Amino acid sequence: MKHSYQISGMTCMGCRAHVENTLKNVEGVTNAQVNLEKALAEIEMKKPIKIEEFQKTLQDSNYEIYREDEMSQTYSVSGMTCKGCKAHVEETLKKVEGVKSAKVNLEKSEVKIFSKENVPLKKLQQTLKDDGDNYQIHEPGKEPKSKKQKTKGSGTGVYYCPMHCEGDKTYDEPGDCPVCGMDLVEEASLKAQSTTYTCPMHPEVVQDGPGSCPKCGMDLVPKEPEESSESKSYKKLLKKFKIAVAFTLPIFIIAMSEMIPENPLYDVLEMKYWNWVQFGLSIPVVFYATWMFFERAWRSIKTWNLNMFTLIGIGAGVAWLFSVFGMLFPDFFPPQFKTEMGTVHVYFEAATVILTLVLLGQVLEARAHSKTNSAIKELLKLAPNKAIKVVDGKEKEVSIDEIQKGDILRVKPGDKIPVDGIIEKGNSSIDESMITGEPIPVDKAEGEKVSSGTINGNRSFTMKAEKVGEETLLSQIIKMVNDASRSQAPIQKLADRISAYFVPVVVIIAVITYIVWAIYGPEPQYVYALVNAIAVLIIACPCALGLATPMSVMVGVGKGAQNGVLIKNARALEQMDDIDTLIIDKTGTITEGKPKVEKVEVISEGNKDEIIKLIASVNSQSEHPLAKATVDFAKEKQLKYTEASDFNSVTGKGVTGMVDNKKIAIGNDKLMQAENVEIPSEITEKVTAEQEKGKTVSFVSVEGKIEGYFTITDPIKKTSREALKSLMDDGVEVYMFTGDNEKTAKSVAEELGLTGFKAGMLPEDKQSEVKKLQQEGKKVAMAGDGINDAPALAQADIGIAMGTGTDVAIESAEITLVKGDLKAVKKAKSLSKKVMRNIKQNLFFAMIYNTLGVPIAAGILYPVFGLLLSPMIAALAMSFSSVSVIANALRLKNTKLQ
């Protein structure tokens, strides 16, 4: 049986091939054919397959599938911030009567509603309103007024948990994570702050540039940048810590004075009154400085998301409440709990010292967190705020936000290049080290591309703006680093599983500790039992386990960005170290990707210029690097060409088109066979000789008759040989898959000493070969730069795109090499190895700390060595366990990548 379905989201032949192969892999499907122009898929199947099966297969991609007879309507949705929001909106809208399915695109803030008949928008709006009114659905471009204002500050107003307890979930206001209780961290703004000016006398006067105040005439001064949420949080915690210390220190002195013979304090007041003094001093500590810990503990118990604060709240809370109860009702307790003076042993000093030390840990963590995303902050510093715009020959300084595509900008010596563009007039050397990691400046001439944030050398030039705002390379790098640093590595699931059982197990151990000491401990048994049980609760630290992975990932991703290796997600960072097979494309990956036409051979010599014109006419509509080379060749010869009609790109074979009512075909021997063009043996011999030298050759036919061929050379990058040899020396097998012919591919493979190669590969061939290697148990990385590489990049365990390649290839890959240099593959592998080693060190620290700390706190050393662990020492150790994990992760900042 055969059924037709609508497909949305496809933009190119790579998309078509990817969707087609994905649908073919669904169990029960015998064949699938996708038509890109009609956005239609025809699927043959043995038995009926629910559309949900196809939707599930494509759910992680940008493509959507729905029945041909279904209606679809796209609306905008506001209020969504994370994947949790996306899932919630989809589930809520699916419940609306008449709605078959709903698919949300989080990046575009859109939802596509599929239904048999039209579902009124008001009905959808009312459903979301009844659900809590957190999200609003509306016509595209008619966004309602936002009810919530983002938090003021220099960040984005978007907050997330540093331990990623809820994956990608974010919040629009500061607070505590509902799962682990930790302070939410503000996402770094992906936009550099511009300098604004204000009047010292009239702060309400604010403008973009310097000048004088319109009210009093005073010179305006640069306005202080708004403080970040991180800085505010740190200062708030530091203030609370100082208050806690101020009140805890006298409590500690009063309690410790009991160890002094003939305690002089007792000459002033009796012990029972000093207990009341301790109680009074503890109130600001418990109910102000550290009250947040008890709020988090209560919330964790109420939601049953048990965490570090559950243990702290129970431990310190029990110590403080026991002390208050003992003061108020001393006769309730047996003699074992009492001192020689008849008062009950109080633990105000233990409770306040524990809470103060935990607060110290939070202060140190808040300070350390600001360093873990320093890579993003450093990248933001590269982004210029101002630019010099040339209008009618006059130069004018403008804000970076005012620059439009096509604007002509002046870049002076030493200035940062404001946006991505092309040099119009002049030349210079550009320092690109901040985005490629390479220290040597690159010479740039007219017509060459320059990137935002890079630094001009000692010559002035003008440039044409091509990409502005979020489209610039620097903005894309910052966004990718930010997203990757918040993604979750698979190894973190291990820590998450352990943490889920951790707190209940520790509470059980604390109860057992109390029972054992109460039965078998020395006098006063109950005092020992209580103190040791509290020590067990306080020393255990699930927080260190939770932080072990995300801290290393955040620092590692930043380190990669500084070295020209952009990592899209933490999974790629983790798995790159396991890669044992590397598949590489030829053009633009091994080679420079800047091919040039070496010569054009035609059957009729006097016809050469005409043939070159025909070649340029057809190839002018192709984006392939080889096609561009032929167009440039025609321009160099100052030959005028027309635009071809009925242009068609035959993936892996070549192109065809109509010029002056003649059908032109340009491509390899497979295309000539498809067009039924006979190639004379003498031409075949000449072409073979060129191919054996490693050159690419394309045939040209006019109206089904061969007219000649042209050769293109694309030199191998100087760094490719060294990079590939280094990888193979490390045990990585390297294969080259290319659409080029067998002889050219063989020449290149032999020159580089590759493990193997395959020639004449179509996009689907590359993808299927990757699958075969994976089925053999190999961990495969694919490096490519073209649209034809996209399916294989998506199929590979790790897709690596050349930053100099197409947007489709970069989108399909998980790692992007900014400079398009294979040496960076080695850097990526080295980074992965170091990050994974750092994560394992962190997990080891956290595990061994808890494995040893909890039994010692329970008193396991007491029978042999007579040693017990004070709850205060346990609190200090617990606080520094998390800090030590963060400190170890920060070591990655100083590591050197090979």
Foldseek 3Di string as FASTA:
>chain_A
DKFKKAKPDDDDVLSQLQLQVLLCPQPFWPGWHADPVRNMIITHGPDDDDVVSSCVSCVVDRMGIDHPQKDKDKWAKPQDDFVVSQVVLFVQQCPQPFWPGWHADRVRRMIMTIGNDDDDQVSSQVSCVVVPVNMGIGHPPDDDDDPDDADDFQADQWWAQLLCLVFGDIDNHWAADLQARATTDTFGHLAFDAWWWADPVGRVDIDRDWDADPPPRHTTDTDDHGHHPLVVVLVVLVVLLVLLCVLLVVLVVLVVLVVPPPRPVVVVPNPLVVLVVLLVSLCCLCVPSQVSLLVSLVSCVVVVSDYLSVLLNVLLVCLQVVSVCQSVCVVVDDPLQADPVSGGDHCSSLSSLLSSLLSVLSSLVSVLVVVLQVLLVVLNVLADQWFWWADPNDTDIDGLVPDDAFTKTKAAAFRFDHAKWFFADDWFWKQPLQQAVDGDTHTHHGGDIDFGSITTHHHMTMTGHHDGDCRTPSSVLSVQLSQALSGDAPVLVVLVVCRSCPLVVLLVLLVVLLVCQLVPNDTVSNVLSSFLSSLSSQQAHSPLSSNLASSLRSNLQSLLRSNQKHFNHVHCLQCLLQAQAEEEEPQLQQFVNQKAWPDWDWPDVVCRLVQLQVLLQQLVPPPRNVSVRSVVVNVVVVRDHHHWAPWDADFLFFIWTADPNKIKTKGDVVVLVVLVADDDPVQVVVVLVLLLQLWFKMWMDINRYTTTITIMDTGGDPQSLVLQVVSVVVNHAYEYEYSGDDNNQVNVCVVSVHNYYDYNDFLVNLLVVQVVVVVVVGQYEYEYAESSVLSNQQNHNFYEYELVHDPSSVVSGRMYRNHSGSNSSQLSNQSSVVSVVLSVVSNCLSVVSSVPSSCQSSPVCCVPPNDHDGSSNSSNNNSVSNVVSSVSSSVSNVDDGD
